[in-house]
């Protein structure tokens, strides 16, 4: 993931598409970040393992967490809410 994000950052710097923004990754304080996203009324975030390989399908290692999902925990990639 780290290498892919570095390549994406370079590409976006060169291309510069309006409405597309690079976001740094956060390795800690996921719950605090989630609360800030809720306050900003954004859709959510993606939680994933730093060492995970890219997958073309859904994976337990890459979890899309929407701000309206109650009871979701990124730290251990477990879900207690509903989709």
C-alpha atoms as a PDB file:
ATOM      1  CA  UNK A   1       0.000   0.000   0.000  1.00  0.00           C
ATOM      2  CA  UNK A   2       2.784   2.427   0.853  1.00  0.00           C
ATOM      3  CA  UNK A   3       4.455   2.056  -2.559  1.00  0.00           C
ATOM      4  CA  UNK A   4       1.108   2.381  -4.387  1.00  0.00           C
ATOM      5  CA  UNK A   5       0.239   5.546  -2.460  1.00  0.00           C
ATOM      6  CA  UNK A   6       3.626   7.095  -3.273  1.00  0.00           C
ATOM      7  CA  UNK A   7       3.090   6.362  -6.984  1.00  0.00           C
ATOM      8  CA  UNK A   8      -0.442   7.783  -6.842  1.00  0.00           C
ATOM      9  CA  UNK A   9       0.787  10.945  -5.130  1.00  0.00           C
ATOM     10  CA  UNK A  10       3.387  11.504  -7.878  1.00  0.00           C
ATOM     11  CA  UNK A  11       0.806  10.869 -10.602  1.00  0.00           C
ATOM     12  CA  UNK A  12      -1.775  13.245  -9.134  1.00  0.00           C
ATOM     13  CA  UNK A  13       0.883  15.924  -8.708  1.00  0.00           C
ATOM     14  CA  UNK A  14       1.672  15.636 -12.444  1.00  0.00           C
ATOM     15  CA  UNK A  15      -1.866  15.280 -13.793  1.00  0.00           C
ATOM     16  CA  UNK A  16      -3.815  17.493 -11.375  1.00  0.00           C
ATOM     17  CA  UNK A  17      -7.484  16.580 -11.892  1.00  0.00           C
ATOM     18  CA  UNK A  18     -10.078  18.947 -10.384  1.00  0.00           C
ATOM     19  CA  UNK A  19     -12.104  17.243  -7.668  1.00  0.00           C
ATOM     20  CA  UNK A  20      -9.508  14.497  -7.104  1.00  0.00           C
ATOM     21  CA  UNK A  21      -7.436  14.920  -3.983  1.00  0.00           C
ATOM     22  CA  UNK A  22      -4.692  12.790  -2.493  1.00  0.00           C
ATOM     23  CA  UNK A  23      -5.171  11.898   1.158  1.00  0.00           C
ATOM     24  CA  UNK A  24      -2.333  10.824   3.412  1.00  0.00           C
ATOM     25  CA  UNK A  25      -2.831   7.581   5.276  1.00  0.00           C
ATOM     26  CA  UNK A  26      -3.242   7.385   9.020  1.00  0.00           C
ATOM     27  CA  UNK A  27      -1.709   4.538  10.982  1.00  0.00           C
ATOM     28  CA  UNK A  28      -3.169   5.378  14.374  1.00  0.00           C
ATOM     29  CA  UNK A  29      -6.151   7.080  15.983  1.00  0.00           C
ATOM     30  CA  UNK A  30      -8.673   5.632  13.531  1.00  0.00           C
ATOM     31  CA  UNK A  31     -11.578   6.244  15.899  1.00  0.00           C
ATOM     32  CA  UNK A  32     -10.659   9.940  16.231  1.00  0.00           C
ATOM     33  CA  UNK A  33     -10.379  10.246  12.446  1.00  0.00           C
ATOM     34  CA  UNK A  34     -13.767   8.553  12.048  1.00  0.00           C
ATOM     35  CA  UNK A  35     -15.395  11.045  14.441  1.00  0.00           C
ATOM     36  CA  UNK A  36     -13.899  13.933  12.455  1.00  0.00           C
ATOM     37  CA  UNK A  37     -15.228  12.437   9.217  1.00  0.00           C
ATOM     38  CA  UNK A  38     -18.693  12.165  10.772  1.00  0.00           C
ATOM     39  CA  UNK A  39     -18.521  15.830  11.805  1.00  0.00           C
ATOM     40  CA  UNK A  40     -17.490  16.788   8.255  1.00  0.00           C
ATOM     41  CA  UNK A  41     -20.440  14.750   6.923  1.00  0.00           C
ATOM     42  CA  UNK A  42     -18.302  12.766   4.489  1.00  0.00           C
ATOM     43  CA  UNK A  43     -19.263   9.277   3.353  1.00  0.00           C
ATOM     44  CA  UNK A  44     -16.602   7.355   5.233  1.00  0.00           C
ATOM     45  CA  UNK A  45     -13.146   5.838   4.940  1.00  0.00           C
ATOM     46  CA  UNK A  46     -11.322   2.683   3.929  1.00  0.00           C
ATOM     47  CA  UNK A  47      -9.464   0.691   6.579  1.00  0.00           C
ATOM     48  CA  UNK A  48      -6.771  -1.649   5.390  1.00  0.00           C
ATOM     49  CA  UNK A  49      -3.602  -3.367   6.450  1.00  0.00           C
ATOM     50  CA  UNK A  50      -0.478  -1.478   5.424  1.00  0.00           C
ATOM     51  CA  UNK A  51       1.148  -4.663   4.138  1.00  0.00           C
ATOM     52  CA  UNK A  52      -1.899  -5.911   2.218  1.00  0.00           C
ATOM     53  CA  UNK A  53      -1.682  -6.582  -1.509  1.00  0.00           C
ATOM     54  CA  UNK A  54      -4.113  -4.919  -3.886  1.00  0.00           C
ATOM     55  CA  UNK A  55      -7.135  -7.117  -4.546  1.00  0.00           C
ATOM     56  CA  UNK A  56      -9.564  -6.723  -7.449  1.00  0.00           C
ATOM     57  CA  UNK A  57     -12.359  -8.075  -5.250  1.00  0.00           C
ATOM     58  CA  UNK A  58     -13.705  -7.324  -1.787  1.00  0.00           C
ATOM     59  CA  UNK A  59     -11.503  -8.483   1.040  1.00  0.00           C
ATOM     60  CA  UNK A  60     -11.620  -8.668   4.834  1.00  0.00           C
ATOM     61  CA  UNK A  61      -8.290  -6.797   4.786  1.00  0.00           C
ATOM     62  CA  UNK A  62      -9.807  -3.752   3.036  1.00  0.00           C
ATOM     63  CA  UNK A  63     -12.916  -2.522   4.831  1.00  0.00           C
ATOM     64  CA  UNK A  64     -15.003   0.390   3.567  1.00  0.00           C
ATOM     65  CA  UNK A  65     -16.556   2.049   6.618  1.00  0.00           C
ATOM     66  CA  UNK A  66     -19.390   4.487   6.087  1.00  0.00           C
ATOM     67  CA  UNK A  67     -20.122   7.080   8.733  1.00  0.00           C
ATOM     68  CA  UNK A  68     -23.711   5.879   9.107  1.00  0.00           C
ATOM     69  CA  UNK A  69     -22.628   2.354  10.097  1.00  0.00           C
ATOM     70  CA  UNK A  70     -22.880   2.030  13.855  1.00  0.00           C
ATOM     71  CA  UNK A  71     -20.563  -0.244  15.790  1.00  0.00           C
ATOM     72  CA  UNK A  72     -17.822  -0.644  13.190  1.00  0.00           C
ATOM     73  CA  UNK A  73     -14.230  -1.081  14.353  1.00  0.00           C
ATOM     74  CA  UNK A  74     -11.279  -0.652  11.989  1.00  0.00           C
ATOM     75  CA  UNK A  75      -8.568  -1.628  14.434  1.00  0.00           C
ATOM     76  CA  UNK A  76      -9.274  -5.347  14.214  1.00  0.00           C
ATOM     77  CA  UNK A  77     -11.317  -5.268  10.988  1.00  0.00           C
ATOM     78  CA  UNK A  78     -14.404  -6.675  12.708  1.00  0.00           C
ATOM     79  CA  UNK A  79     -17.948  -5.544  12.065  1.00  0.00           C
ATOM     80  CA  UNK A  80     -20.813  -5.403  14.484  1.00  0.00           C
ATOM     81  CA  UNK A  81     -23.034  -3.055  12.493  1.00  0.00           C
ATOM     82  CA  UNK A  82     -25.083  -3.773   9.398  1.00  0.00           C
ATOM     83  CA  UNK A  83     -24.352  -2.808   5.794  1.00  0.00           C
END
